[in-house]
Amino acid sequence: MEKIRLRACALIIKDGAILLIEYENDNGDGVHYNLPAGGIEPGETFVEAVIREAKEEACVDVEVGPVAFVYEYQPTKSNYIYGDTHSVGITFKCELKSGSYPKLPQKPDTKQTDVKWIPILKLHSIQLYSEINQDIIDYYSGEKVAT
């Protein structure tokens, strides 16, 4: 049976821009972006994982709000563009705590190159894991997000 990875994701939007983590593509042909996110560790809740991942990847403290949307990455249906692990991401609306400012961690993931605010209006011009650009735009616009 195929294993499914559960991911906790932080959706942080401020002044019409979204906080994203920039990564070097595996094949060296540019960069892609991801929400501050990662797998749930044993004994950890989704909310605890969102708080940990935001701190680890963007050096920020967040208040975790409600679920914004859920997405699924199925490798065989996506030509394995982001690897071979089937995953489900639970995306939570988050707010930065007062005095918390995003920055690249001192010891980032080996492929992480930056932490950036990307205007929502430019989401269609970037590569965003796991092709959730439209989900974010729909959420930001107040539309119901299909899962």
Protein backbone atom coordinates (compact mmCIF):
# COMPACT_ATOMS: atom_id res chain seq x y z
CA MET A 1 0.00 0.00 0.00
CA GLU A 2 1.24 3.47 -0.91
CA LYS A 3 2.05 5.74 2.04
CA ILE A 4 0.54 9.22 2.17
CA ARG A 5 2.44 12.08 3.79
CA LEU A 6 0.36 14.55 5.80
CA ARG A 7 1.57 18.15 5.49
CA ALA A 8 0.73 21.20 7.59
CA CYS A 9 0.91 24.50 5.69
CA ALA A 10 0.87 28.17 6.74
CA LEU A 11 -1.02 30.59 4.49
CA ILE A 12 0.28 34.03 5.48
CA ILE A 13 -1.12 36.93 3.47
CA LYS A 14 -0.38 40.57 4.27
CA ASP A 15 -0.97 43.71 2.22
CA GLY A 16 -1.89 41.74 -0.91
CA ALA A 17 1.21 39.53 -0.82
CA ILE A 18 1.82 35.97 0.33
CA LEU A 19 4.82 34.72 2.28
CA LEU A 20 6.56 31.96 0.31
CA ILE A 21 9.71 29.90 0.65
CA GLU A 22 11.97 29.85 -2.41
CA TYR A 23 13.75 26.62 -3.39
CA GLU A 24 16.28 25.74 -6.08
CA ASN A 25 14.82 23.21 -8.52
CA ASP A 26 16.40 19.76 -8.38
CA ASN A 27 17.38 19.93 -12.06
CA GLY A 28 19.01 23.36 -11.65
CA ASP A 29 16.66 25.15 -14.06
CA GLY A 30 15.47 27.88 -11.73
CA VAL A 31 13.37 28.07 -8.58
CA HIS A 32 9.99 27.07 -7.25
CA TYR A 33 8.06 28.25 -4.21
CA ASN A 34 6.21 26.64 -1.36
CA LEU A 35 4.16 27.78 1.57
CA PRO A 36 5.96 27.45 4.90
CA ALA A 37 5.02 23.79 5.31
CA GLY A 38 6.15 20.28 6.07
CA GLY A 39 5.26 16.84 7.27
CA ILE A 40 3.61 16.12 10.58
CA GLU A 41 6.03 14.57 13.07
CA PRO A 42 4.98 11.68 15.35
CA GLY A 43 2.95 12.95 18.31
CA GLU A 44 2.49 16.38 16.76
CA THR A 45 -0.83 18.07 15.91
CA PHE A 46 -1.41 19.92 12.64
CA VAL A 47 -1.41 23.26 14.50
CA GLU A 48 1.87 22.42 16.27
CA ALA A 49 3.38 21.45 12.91
CA VAL A 50 2.28 24.73 11.26
CA ILE A 51 3.88 26.73 14.09
CA ARG A 52 7.10 24.69 13.88
CA GLU A 53 7.36 24.85 10.08
CA ALA A 54 6.77 28.64 9.95
CA LYS A 55 9.54 29.08 12.53
CA GLU A 56 11.96 26.64 10.83
CA GLU A 57 11.51 27.88 7.26
CA ALA A 58 10.76 31.61 7.65
CA CYS A 59 11.87 32.44 11.22
CA VAL A 60 8.38 33.72 12.09
CA ASP A 61 5.97 33.19 14.95
CA VAL A 62 2.36 32.77 13.85
CA GLU A 63 -1.15 32.67 15.22
CA VAL A 64 -2.87 29.72 13.55
CA GLY A 65 -6.42 30.29 12.35
CA PRO A 66 -8.96 28.11 10.55
CA VAL A 67 -8.33 25.72 7.68
CA ALA A 68 -8.20 27.71 4.44
CA PHE A 69 -8.15 24.76 2.02
CA VAL A 70 -6.89 21.22 1.52
CA TYR A 71 -4.81 20.05 -1.44
CA GLU A 72 -3.52 16.74 -2.68
CA TYR A 73 -0.36 15.94 -4.63
CA GLN A 74 -0.62 12.60 -6.44
CA PRO A 75 2.73 11.86 -8.18
CA THR A 76 1.38 9.65 -10.98
CA LYS A 77 -1.16 12.31 -11.96
CA SER A 78 1.50 15.06 -11.94
CA ASN A 79 4.30 13.30 -13.84
CA TYR A 80 6.30 13.09 -10.58
CA ILE A 81 7.22 16.80 -10.88
CA TYR A 82 7.64 17.10 -7.08
CA GLY A 83 8.86 13.60 -6.33
CA ASP A 84 7.19 10.27 -5.71
CA THR A 85 5.51 10.86 -2.34
CA HIS A 86 1.73 11.09 -2.35
CA SER A 87 0.79 13.91 0.04
CA VAL A 88 -2.19 15.78 1.44
CA GLY A 89 -1.70 19.33 2.67
CA ILE A 90 -3.94 20.98 5.24
CA THR A 91 -3.50 24.73 4.75
CA PHE A 92 -4.24 27.03 7.68
CA LYS A 93 -4.80 30.78 7.55
CA CYS A 94 -2.10 32.29 9.75
CA GLU A 95 -1.18 35.75 11.01
CA LEU A 96 2.28 36.93 11.96
CA LYS A 97 2.65 37.65 15.66
CA SER A 98 3.61 41.21 16.54
CA GLY A 99 7.34 41.81 16.06
CA SER A 100 7.80 38.74 13.84
CA TYR A 101 9.61 39.42 10.55
CA PRO A 102 10.33 36.77 7.90
CA LYS A 103 13.92 35.97 7.01
CA LEU A 104 16.06 33.13 5.73
CA PRO A 105 17.07 30.83 8.60
CA GLN A 106 20.72 30.56 9.62
CA LYS A 107 20.73 26.88 8.58
CA PRO A 108 18.10 26.54 5.84
CA ASP A 109 17.18 23.35 4.02
CA THR A 110 19.91 22.59 1.46
CA LYS A 111 17.69 23.69 -1.46
CA GLN A 112 16.07 26.70 0.28
CA THR A 113 17.37 29.96 -1.20
CA ASP A 114 15.09 32.71 0.16
CA VAL A 115 11.94 33.80 1.97
CA LYS A 116 9.85 36.23 -0.08
CA TRP A 117 6.62 38.19 -0.11
CA ILE A 118 5.07 37.56 -3.54
CA PRO A 119 2.11 39.72 -4.64
CA ILE A 120 -1.05 37.62 -5.00
CA LEU A 121 -1.50 39.12 -8.48
CA LYS A 122 1.81 37.51 -9.56
CA LEU A 123 1.03 33.97 -8.38
CA HIS A 124 0.28 32.75 -11.89
CA SER A 125 3.78 33.72 -13.02
CA ILE A 126 5.66 31.49 -10.54
CA GLN A 127 6.04 27.76 -10.03
CA LEU A 128 4.32 26.93 -6.75
CA TYR A 129 4.29 23.48 -5.14
CA SER A 130 1.82 21.62 -5.57
CA GLU A 131 0.16 23.73 -8.24
CA ILE A 132 -2.00 25.48 -5.62
CA ASN A 133 -1.75 28.93 -7.21
CA GLN A 134 -5.45 29.04 -8.08
CA ASP A 135 -6.49 27.68 -4.66
CA ILE A 136 -4.69 30.60 -3.01
CA ILE A 137 -6.17 33.16 -5.40
CA ASP A 138 -9.67 31.73 -4.86
CA TYR A 139 -9.24 31.79 -1.08
CA TYR A 140 -7.92 35.35 -1.17
CA SER A 141 -10.82 36.38 -3.40
CA GLY A 142 -13.33 34.77 -1.03
CA GLU A 143 -14.38 32.05 -3.45
CA LYS A 144 -15.05 28.47 -2.40
CA VAL A 145 -11.97 26.36 -3.00
CA ALA A 146 -12.50 22.96 -4.60
CA THR A 147 -10.60 20.12 -2.95
